[in-house]
PDB file of N, CA and C in Angstrom:
ATOM      1  N   MET A   1     202.273 223.486  58.597  1.00  0.00           N
ATOM      2  CA  MET A   1     202.086 224.877  58.225  1.00  0.00           C
ATOM      3  C   MET A   1     200.679 225.020  57.611  1.00  0.00           C
ATOM      4  N   PRO A   2     199.913 226.034  58.010  1.00  0.00           N
ATOM      5  CA  PRO A   2     198.576 226.194  57.465  1.00  0.00           C
ATOM      6  C   PRO A   2     198.569 226.505  55.985  1.00  0.00           C
ATOM      7  N   ALA A   3     197.490 226.135  55.340  1.00  0.00           N
ATOM      8  CA  ALA A   3     197.395 226.349  53.882  1.00  0.00           C
ATOM      9  C   ALA A   3     196.972 227.773  53.542  1.00  0.00           C
ATOM     10  N   ASP A   4     196.293 228.454  54.425  1.00  0.00           N
ATOM     11  CA  ASP A   4     195.809 229.843  54.186  1.00  0.00           C
ATOM     12  C   ASP A   4     197.027 230.781  54.176  1.00  0.00           C
ATOM     13  N   PRO A   5     197.232 231.515  53.044  1.00  0.00           N
ATOM     14  CA  PRO A   5     198.393 232.416  52.982  1.00  0.00           C
ATOM     15  C   PRO A   5     198.376 233.539  54.002  1.00  0.00           C
ATOM     16  N   LEU A   6     197.177 234.044  54.334  1.00  0.00           N
ATOM     17  CA  LEU A   6     197.105 235.118  55.340  1.00  0.00           C
ATOM     18  C   LEU A   6     197.439 234.624  56.734  1.00  0.00           C
ATOM     19  N   LEU A   7     197.023 233.403  57.046  1.00  0.00           N
ATOM     20  CA  LEU A   7     197.370 232.826  58.349  1.00  0.00           C
ATOM     21  C   LEU A   7     198.869 232.550  58.413  1.00  0.00           C
ATOM     22  N   ARG A   8     199.445 232.051  57.317  1.00  0.00           N
ATOM     23  CA  ARG A   8     200.908 231.859  57.276  1.00  0.00           C
ATOM     24  C   ARG A   8     201.649 233.193  57.465  1.00  0.00           C
ATOM     25  N   ALA A   9     201.153 234.228  56.774  1.00  0.00           N
ATOM     26  CA  ALA A   9     201.771 235.542  56.919  1.00  0.00           C
ATOM     27  C   ALA A   9     201.676 236.020  58.349  1.00  0.00           C
ATOM     28  N   TRP A  10     200.518 235.816  58.977  1.00  0.00           N
ATOM     29  CA  TRP A  10     200.328 236.221  60.347  1.00  0.00           C
ATOM     30  C   TRP A  10     201.322 235.495  61.278  1.00  0.00           C
ATOM     31  N   LEU A  11     201.492 234.201  61.044  1.00  0.00           N
ATOM     32  CA  LEU A  11     202.440 233.406  61.843  1.00  0.00           C
ATOM     33  C   LEU A  11     203.872 233.894  61.635  1.00  0.00           C
ATOM     34  N   TRP A  12     204.225 234.226  60.408  1.00  0.00           N
ATOM     35  CA  TRP A  12     205.533 234.784  60.135  1.00  0.00           C
ATOM     36  C   TRP A  12     205.727 236.128  60.851  1.00  0.00           C
ATOM     37  N   LEU A  13     204.698 236.947  60.846  1.00  0.00           N
ATOM     38  CA  LEU A  13     204.809 238.254  61.542  1.00  0.00           C
ATOM     39  C   LEU A  13     204.986 238.050  63.046  1.00  0.00           C
ATOM     40  N   ILE A  14     204.250 237.107  63.591  1.00  0.00           N
ATOM     41  CA  ILE A  14     204.377 236.814  65.028  1.00  0.00           C
ATOM     42  C   ILE A  14     205.806 236.341  65.327  1.00  0.00           C
ATOM     43  N   GLY A  15     206.319 235.415  64.534  1.00  0.00           N
ATOM     44  CA  GLY A  15     207.662 234.934  64.730  1.00  0.00           C
ATOM     45  C   GLY A  15     208.726 235.972  64.599  1.00  0.00           C
ATOM     46  N   LEU A  16     208.593 236.838  63.584  1.00  0.00           N
ATOM     47  CA  LEU A  16     209.587 237.925  63.404  1.00  0.00           C
ATOM     48  C   LEU A  16     209.466 238.937  64.539  1.00  0.00           C
ATOM     49  N   SER A  17     208.267 239.177  64.990  1.00  0.00           N
ATOM     50  CA  SER A  17     208.115 240.108  66.136  1.00  0.00           C
ATOM     51  C   SER A  17     208.705 239.527  67.412  1.00  0.00           C
ATOM     52  N   LEU A  18     208.540 238.233  67.627  1.00  0.00           N
ATOM     53  CA  LEU A  18     209.143 237.615  68.797  1.00  0.00           C
ATOM     54  C   LEU A  18     210.659 237.650  68.689  1.00  0.00           C
ATOM     55  N   GLY A  19     211.178 237.483  67.466  1.00  0.00           N
ATOM     56  CA  GLY A  19     212.626 237.586  67.261  1.00  0.00           C
ATOM     57  C   GLY A  19     213.151 238.955  67.577  1.00  0.00           C
ATOM     58  N   SER A  20     212.501 239.975  67.081  1.00  0.00           N
ATOM     59  CA  SER A  20     212.980 241.332  67.343  1.00  0.00           C
ATOM     60  C   SER A  20     212.819 241.707  68.797  1.00  0.00           C
ATOM     61  N   THR A  21     211.796 241.186  69.459  1.00  0.00           N
ATOM     62  CA  THR A  21     211.648 241.414  70.900  1.00  0.00           C
ATOM     63  C   THR A  21     212.758 240.736  71.675  1.00  0.00           C
ATOM     64  N   ALA A  22     213.083 239.512  71.306  1.00  0.00           N
ATOM     65  CA  ALA A  22     214.161 238.794  71.986  1.00  0.00           C
ATOM     66  C   ALA A  22     215.506 239.515  71.793  1.00  0.00           C
ATOM     67  N   VAL A  23     215.772 239.990  70.577  1.00  0.00           N
ATOM     68  CA  VAL A  23     217.045 240.703  70.324  1.00  0.00           C
ATOM     69  C   VAL A  23     217.096 241.996  71.142  1.00  0.00           C
ATOM     70  N   SER A  24     215.955 242.686  71.255  1.00  0.00           N
ATOM     71  CA  SER A  24     215.972 243.963  71.950  1.00  0.00           C
ATOM     72  C   SER A  24     216.106 243.794  73.481  1.00  0.00           C
ATOM     73  N   LEU A  25     215.592 242.667  73.984  1.00  0.00           N
ATOM     74  CA  LEU A  25     215.670 242.428  75.446  1.00  0.00           C
ATOM     75  C   LEU A  25     216.950 241.776  75.883  1.00  0.00           C
ATOM     76  N   TRP A  26     217.726 241.230  74.941  1.00  0.00           N
ATOM     77  CA  TRP A  26     218.977 240.591  75.293  1.00  0.00           C
ATOM     78  C   TRP A  26     219.951 241.662  75.755  1.00  0.00           C
ATOM     79  N   HIS A  27     220.754 241.321  76.761  1.00  0.00           N
ATOM     80  CA  HIS A  27     221.750 242.284  77.243  1.00  0.00           C
ATOM     81  C   HIS A  27     223.055 242.101  76.442  1.00  0.00           C
ATOM     82  N   TRP A  28     223.148 242.932  75.394  1.00  0.00           N
ATOM     83  CA  TRP A  28     224.300 242.859  74.493  1.00  0.00           C
ATOM     84  C   TRP A  28     225.500 243.594  75.067  1.00  0.00           C
ATOM     85  N   PRO A  29     226.703 243.089  74.874  1.00  0.00           N
ATOM     86  CA  PRO A  29     227.879 243.864  75.269  1.00  0.00           C
ATOM     87  C   PRO A  29     227.920 245.140  74.398  1.00  0.00           C
ATOM     88  N   GLN A  30     228.566 246.166  74.930  1.00  0.00           N
ATOM     89  CA  GLN A  30     228.593 247.469  74.247  1.00  0.00           C
ATOM     90  C   GLN A  30     229.183 247.319  72.838  1.00  0.00           C
ATOM     91  N   SER A  31     230.118 246.422  72.645  1.00  0.00           N
ATOM     92  CA  SER A  31     230.777 246.286  71.320  1.00  0.00           C
ATOM     93  C   SER A  31     229.811 245.663  70.285  1.00  0.00           C
ATOM     94  N   PHE A  32     228.737 244.995  70.732  1.00  0.00           N
ATOM     95  CA  PHE A  32     227.815 244.366  69.822  1.00  0.00           C
ATOM     96  C   PHE A  32     226.467 245.097  69.731  1.00  0.00           C
ATOM     97  N   ALA A  33     226.375 246.308  70.311  1.00  0.00           N
ATOM     98  CA  ALA A  33     225.113 247.012  70.294  1.00  0.00           C
ATOM     99  C   ALA A  33     224.723 247.416  68.872  1.00  0.00           C
ATOM    100  N   ALA A  34     225.688 247.755  68.036  1.00  0.00           N
ATOM    101  CA  ALA A  34     225.382 248.100  66.643  1.00  0.00           C
ATOM    102  C   ALA A  34     224.863 246.884  65.889  1.00  0.00           C
ATOM    103  N   LEU A  35     225.405 245.728  66.176  1.00  0.00           N
ATOM    104  CA  LEU A  35     224.922 244.505  65.527  1.00  0.00           C
ATOM    105  C   LEU A  35     223.491 244.210  65.916  1.00  0.00           C
ATOM    106  N   ALA A  36     223.156 244.421  67.179  1.00  0.00           N
ATOM    107  CA  ALA A  36     221.776 244.202  67.635  1.00  0.00           C
ATOM    108  C   ALA A  36     220.815 245.138  66.919  1.00  0.00           C
ATOM    109  N   GLY A  37     221.182 246.395  66.772  1.00  0.00           N
ATOM    110  CA  GLY A  37     220.335 247.336  66.045  1.00  0.00           C
ATOM    111  C   GLY A  37     220.154 246.950  64.596  1.00  0.00           C
ATOM    112  N   ALA A  38     221.226 246.465  63.987  1.00  0.00           N
ATOM    113  CA  ALA A  38     221.141 246.027  62.580  1.00  0.00           C
ATOM    114  C   ALA A  38     220.244 244.804  62.446  1.00  0.00           C
ATOM    115  N   VAL A  39     220.332 243.869  63.385  1.00  0.00           N
ATOM    116  CA  VAL A  39     219.458 242.676  63.346  1.00  0.00           C
ATOM    117  C   VAL A  39     217.996 243.073  63.476  1.00  0.00           C
ATOM    118  N   ILE A  40     217.706 243.999  64.390  1.00  0.00           N
ATOM    119  CA  ILE A  40     216.313 244.457  64.574  1.00  0.00           C
ATOM    120  C   ILE A  40     215.829 245.119  63.304  1.00  0.00           C
ATOM    121  N   LEU A  41     216.659 245.922  62.653  1.00  0.00           N
ATOM    122  CA  LEU A  41     216.257 246.554  61.405  1.00  0.00           C
ATOM    123  C   LEU A  41     215.997 245.543  60.302  1.00  0.00           C
ATOM    124  N   VAL A  42     216.823 244.492  60.227  1.00  0.00           N
ATOM    125  CA  VAL A  42     216.608 243.444  59.221  1.00  0.00           C
ATOM    126  C   VAL A  42     215.297 242.722  59.495  1.00  0.00           C
ATOM    127  N   LEU A  43     215.008 242.425  60.728  1.00  0.00           N
ATOM    128  CA  LEU A  43     213.746 241.793  61.058  1.00  0.00           C
ATOM    129  C   LEU A  43     212.543 242.661  60.718  1.00  0.00           C
ATOM    130  N   ALA A  44     212.657 243.981  60.928  1.00  0.00           N
ATOM    131  CA  ALA A  44     211.581 244.915  60.583  1.00  0.00           C
ATOM    132  C   ALA A  44     211.425 244.923  59.052  1.00  0.00           C
ATOM    133  N   TRP A  45     212.527 244.868  58.333  1.00  0.00           N
ATOM    134  CA  TRP A  45     212.475 244.839  56.851  1.00  0.00           C
ATOM    135  C   TRP A  45     211.760 243.588  56.390  1.00  0.00           C
ATOM    136  N   LEU A  46     212.052 242.438  56.985  1.00  0.00           N
ATOM    137  CA  LEU A  46     211.399 241.206  56.636  1.00  0.00           C
ATOM    138  C   LEU A  46     209.900 241.244  56.919  1.00  0.00           C
ATOM    139  N   LYS A  47     209.533 241.869  58.067  1.00  0.00           N
ATOM    140  CA  LYS A  47     208.093 242.014  58.371  1.00  0.00           C
ATOM    141  C   LYS A  47     207.393 242.886  57.348  1.00  0.00           C
ATOM    142  N   ALA A  48     208.063 243.968  56.923  1.00  0.00           N
ATOM    143  CA  ALA A  48     207.459 244.856  55.912  1.00  0.00           C
ATOM    144  C   ALA A  48     207.285 244.111  54.582  1.00  0.00           C
ATOM    145  N   ARG A  49     208.212 243.235  54.249  1.00  0.00           N
ATOM    146  CA  ARG A  49     208.065 242.460  53.006  1.00  0.00           C
ATOM    147  C   ARG A  49     206.884 241.506  53.086  1.00  0.00           C
ATOM    148  N   VAL A  50     206.668 240.893  54.235  1.00  0.00           N
ATOM    149  CA  VAL A  50     205.512 239.988  54.412  1.00  0.00           C
ATOM    150  C   VAL A  50     204.224 240.781  54.290  1.00  0.00           C
ATOM    151  N   ILE A  51     204.161 241.950  54.891  1.00  0.00           N
ATOM    152  CA  ILE A  51     202.966 242.788  54.855  1.00  0.00           C
ATOM    153  C   ILE A  51     202.670 243.195  53.419  1.00  0.00           C
ATOM    154  N   LEU A  52     203.726 243.640  52.693  1.00  0.00           N
ATOM    155  CA  LEU A  52     203.517 244.059  51.325  1.00  0.00           C
ATOM    156  C   LEU A  52     203.066 242.908  50.436  1.00  0.00           C
ATOM    157  N   ALA A  53     203.653 241.771  50.616  1.00  0.00           N
ATOM    158  CA  ALA A  53     203.374 240.651  49.708  1.00  0.00           C
ATOM    159  C   ALA A  53     202.017 240.031  49.990  1.00  0.00           C
ATOM    160  N   ARG A  54     201.692 239.798  51.252  1.00  0.00           N
ATOM    161  CA  ARG A  54     200.496 239.051  51.580  1.00  0.00           C
ATOM    162  C   ARG A  54     199.316 239.946  51.887  1.00  0.00           C
ATOM    163  N   TYR A  55     199.463 240.897  52.780  1.00  0.00           N
ATOM    164  CA  TYR A  55     198.304 241.666  53.204  1.00  0.00           C
ATOM    165  C   TYR A  55     197.860 242.711  52.167  1.00  0.00           C
ATOM    166  N   LEU A  56     198.833 243.253  51.431  1.00  0.00           N
ATOM    167  CA  LEU A  56     198.470 244.212  50.390  1.00  0.00           C
ATOM    168  C   LEU A  56     198.300 243.550  49.021  1.00  0.00           C
ATOM    169  N   GLY A  57     198.536 242.254  48.961  1.00  0.00           N
ATOM    170  CA  GLY A  57     198.269 241.511  47.737  1.00  0.00           C
ATOM    171  C   GLY A  57     199.294 241.674  46.619  1.00  0.00           C
ATOM    172  N   LEU A  58     200.499 242.119  46.963  1.00  0.00           N
ATOM    173  CA  LEU A  58     201.504 242.301  45.915  1.00  0.00           C
ATOM    174  C   LEU A  58     202.146 241.002  45.465  1.00  0.00           C
ATOM    175  N   SER A  59     201.818 239.894  46.117  1.00  0.00           N
ATOM    176  CA  SER A  59     202.358 238.621  45.638  1.00  0.00           C
ATOM    177  C   SER A  59     201.759 238.240  44.295  1.00  0.00           C
ATOM    178  N   ALA A  60     200.594 238.858  43.969  1.00  0.00           N
ATOM    179  CA  ALA A  60     199.943 238.578  42.679  1.00  0.00           C
ATOM    180  C   ALA A  60     200.464 239.515  41.600  1.00  0.00           C
ATOM    181  N   ALA A  61     201.254 240.530  41.955  1.00  0.00           N
ATOM    182  CA  ALA A  61     201.768 241.521  41.007  1.00  0.00           C
ATOM    183  C   ALA A  61     203.291 241.598  41.182  1.00  0.00           C
ATOM    184  N   PRO A  62     204.046 240.661  40.574  1.00  0.00           N
ATOM    185  CA  PRO A  62     205.491 240.612  40.832  1.00  0.00           C
ATOM    186  C   PRO A  62     206.243 241.872  40.466  1.00  0.00           C
ATOM    187  N   PHE A  63     205.806 242.554  39.398  1.00  0.00           N
ATOM    188  CA  PHE A  63     206.499 243.795  39.005  1.00  0.00           C
ATOM    189  C   PHE A  63     206.401 244.861  40.077  1.00  0.00           C
ATOM    190  N   TRP A  64     205.203 245.075  40.605  1.00  0.00           N
ATOM    191  CA  TRP A  64     204.992 246.065  41.651  1.00  0.00           C
ATOM    192  C   TRP A  64     205.669 245.617  42.969  1.00  0.00           C
ATOM    193  N   ARG A  65     205.568 244.344  43.273  1.00  0.00           N
ATOM    194  CA  ARG A  65     206.209 243.847  44.490  1.00  0.00           C
ATOM    195  C   ARG A  65     207.714 244.087  44.463  1.00  0.00           C
ATOM    196  N   ARG A  66     208.330 243.805  43.323  1.00  0.00           N
ATOM    197  CA  ARG A  66     209.781 244.033  43.170  1.00  0.00           C
ATOM    198  C   ARG A  66     210.140 245.489  43.355  1.00  0.00           C
ATOM    199  N   GLY A  67     209.307 246.377  42.753  1.00  0.00           N
ATOM    200  CA  GLY A  67     209.557 247.798  42.908  1.00  0.00           C
ATOM    201  C   GLY A  67     209.449 248.271  44.338  1.00  0.00           C
ATOM    202  N   PHE A  68     208.436 247.806  45.041  1.00  0.00           N
ATOM    203  CA  PHE A  68     208.276 248.154  46.454  1.00  0.00           C
ATOM    204  C   PHE A  68     209.407 247.597  47.288  1.00  0.00           C
ATOM    205  N   GLU A  69     209.820 246.350  46.987  1.00  0.00           N
ATOM    206  CA  GLU A  69     210.875 245.747  47.776  1.00  0.00           C
ATOM    207  C   GLU A  69     212.229 246.406  47.558  1.00  0.00           C
ATOM    208  N   ILE A  70     212.483 246.849  46.322  1.00  0.00           N
ATOM    209  CA  ILE A  70     213.734 247.562  46.077  1.00  0.00           C
ATOM    210  C   ILE A  70     213.736 248.915  46.804  1.00  0.00           C
ATOM    211  N   SER A  71     212.614 249.655  46.736  1.00  0.00           N
ATOM    212  CA  SER A  71     212.581 250.932  47.418  1.00  0.00           C
ATOM    213  C   SER A  71     212.641 250.742  48.921  1.00  0.00           C
ATOM    214  N   LEU A  72     212.009 249.700  49.437  1.00  0.00           N
ATOM    215  CA  LEU A  72     212.056 249.429  50.858  1.00  0.00           C
ATOM    216  C   LEU A  72     213.470 249.041  51.318  1.00  0.00           C
ATOM    217  N   ALA A  73     214.135 248.252  50.460  1.00  0.00           N
ATOM    218  CA  ALA A  73     215.516 247.868  50.813  1.00  0.00           C
ATOM    219  C   ALA A  73     216.457 249.089  50.800  1.00  0.00           C
ATOM    220  N   LEU A  74     216.277 249.965  49.842  1.00  0.00           N
ATOM    221  CA  LEU A  74     217.118 251.174  49.803  1.00  0.00           C
ATOM    222  C   LEU A  74     216.856 252.058  51.028  1.00  0.00           C
ATOM    223  N   PHE A  75     215.565 252.175  51.419  1.00  0.00           N
ATOM    224  CA  PHE A  75     215.239 252.946  52.596  1.00  0.00           C
ATOM    225  C   PHE A  75     215.849 252.346  53.845  1.00  0.00           C
ATOM    226  N   CYS A  76     215.811 250.987  53.992  1.00  0.00           N
ATOM    227  CA  CYS A  76     216.364 250.321  55.126  1.00  0.00           C
ATOM    228  C   CYS A  76     217.883 250.475  55.144  1.00  0.00           C
ATOM    229  N   LEU A  77     218.532 250.445  53.972  1.00  0.00           N
ATOM    230  CA  LEU A  77     219.979 250.658  53.905  1.00  0.00           C
ATOM    231  C   LEU A  77     220.321 252.111  54.344  1.00  0.00           C
ATOM    232  N   LEU A  78     219.501 253.060  53.945  1.00  0.00           N
ATOM    233  CA  LEU A  78     219.676 254.427  54.395  1.00  0.00           C
ATOM    234  C   LEU A  78     219.570 254.541  55.917  1.00  0.00           C
ATOM    235  N   LEU A  79     218.526 253.900  56.484  1.00  0.00           N
ATOM    236  CA  LEU A  79     218.344 253.903  57.938  1.00  0.00           C
ATOM    237  C   LEU A  79     219.542 253.216  58.621  1.00  0.00           C
ATOM    238  N   LEU A  80     220.006 252.112  58.075  1.00  0.00           N
ATOM    239  CA  LEU A  80     221.154 251.443  58.674  1.00  0.00           C
ATOM    240  C   LEU A  80     222.401 252.300  58.637  1.00  0.00           C
ATOM    241  N   GLY A  81     222.562 252.992  57.518  1.00  0.00           N
ATOM    242  CA  GLY A  81     223.742 253.919  57.396  1.00  0.00           C
ATOM    243  C   GLY A  81     223.648 255.024  58.407  1.00  0.00           C
ATOM    244  N   LEU A  82     222.447 255.586  58.573  1.00  0.00           N
ATOM    245  CA  LEU A  82     222.266 256.658  59.574  1.00  0.00           C
ATOM    246  C   LEU A  82     222.448 256.142  60.999  1.00  0.00           C
ATOM    247  N   TYR A  83     222.060 254.881  61.218  1.00  0.00           N
ATOM    248  CA  TYR A  83     222.228 254.297  62.549  1.00  0.00           C
ATOM    249  C   TYR A  83     223.699 254.074  62.861  1.00  0.00           C
ATOM    250  N   LEU A  84     224.442 253.615  61.844  1.00  0.00           N
ATOM    251  CA  LEU A  84     225.849 253.266  62.065  1.00  0.00           C
ATOM    252  C   LEU A  84     226.819 254.440  61.883  1.00  0.00           C
ATOM    253  N   ALA A  85     226.339 255.559  61.351  1.00  0.00           N
ATOM    254  CA  ALA A  85     227.205 256.721  61.064  1.00  0.00           C
ATOM    255  C   ALA A  85     227.895 257.237  62.294  1.00  0.00           C
ATOM    256  N   PRO A  86     227.273 257.403  63.428  1.00  0.00           N
ATOM    257  CA  PRO A  86     227.997 257.923  64.600  1.00  0.00           C
ATOM    258  C   PRO A  86     229.097 256.974  65.082  1.00  0.00           C
ATOM    259  N   LEU A  87     228.990 255.713  64.769  1.00  0.00           N
ATOM    260  CA  LEU A  87     229.987 254.768  65.223  1.00  0.00           C
ATOM    261  C   LEU A  87     231.238 254.811  64.351  1.00  0.00           C
ATOM    262  N   ALA A  88     231.118 255.319  63.145  1.00  0.00           N
ATOM    263  CA  ALA A  88     232.283 255.389  62.202  1.00  0.00           C
ATOM    264  C   ALA A  88     233.181 256.563  62.517  1.00  0.00           C
ATOM    265  N   VAL A  89     232.732 257.465  63.333  1.00  0.00           N
ATOM    266  CA  VAL A  89     233.548 258.654  63.636  1.00  0.00           C
ATOM    267  C   VAL A  89     234.584 258.366  64.659  1.00  0.00           C
TER     268      VAL A  89
END
């Protein structure tokens, strides 16, 4: 693993992007389509955390990073709820 934190972050972003691409291209059975959407949303959340921590420099400010991560997690939970709401009916 490279020592440069930005290069490591870039490699993580590439890996997470490849993961979300693989999940989106996989032919999921209809009963697992909601799971695929949730996995893609989790991967997008992880990418946003990497961007906030490394590219915006919030890894040096733990208080602000925690605040952004909590608000981002709540937003992602809201999106997941909106995504899964039609299936609950």
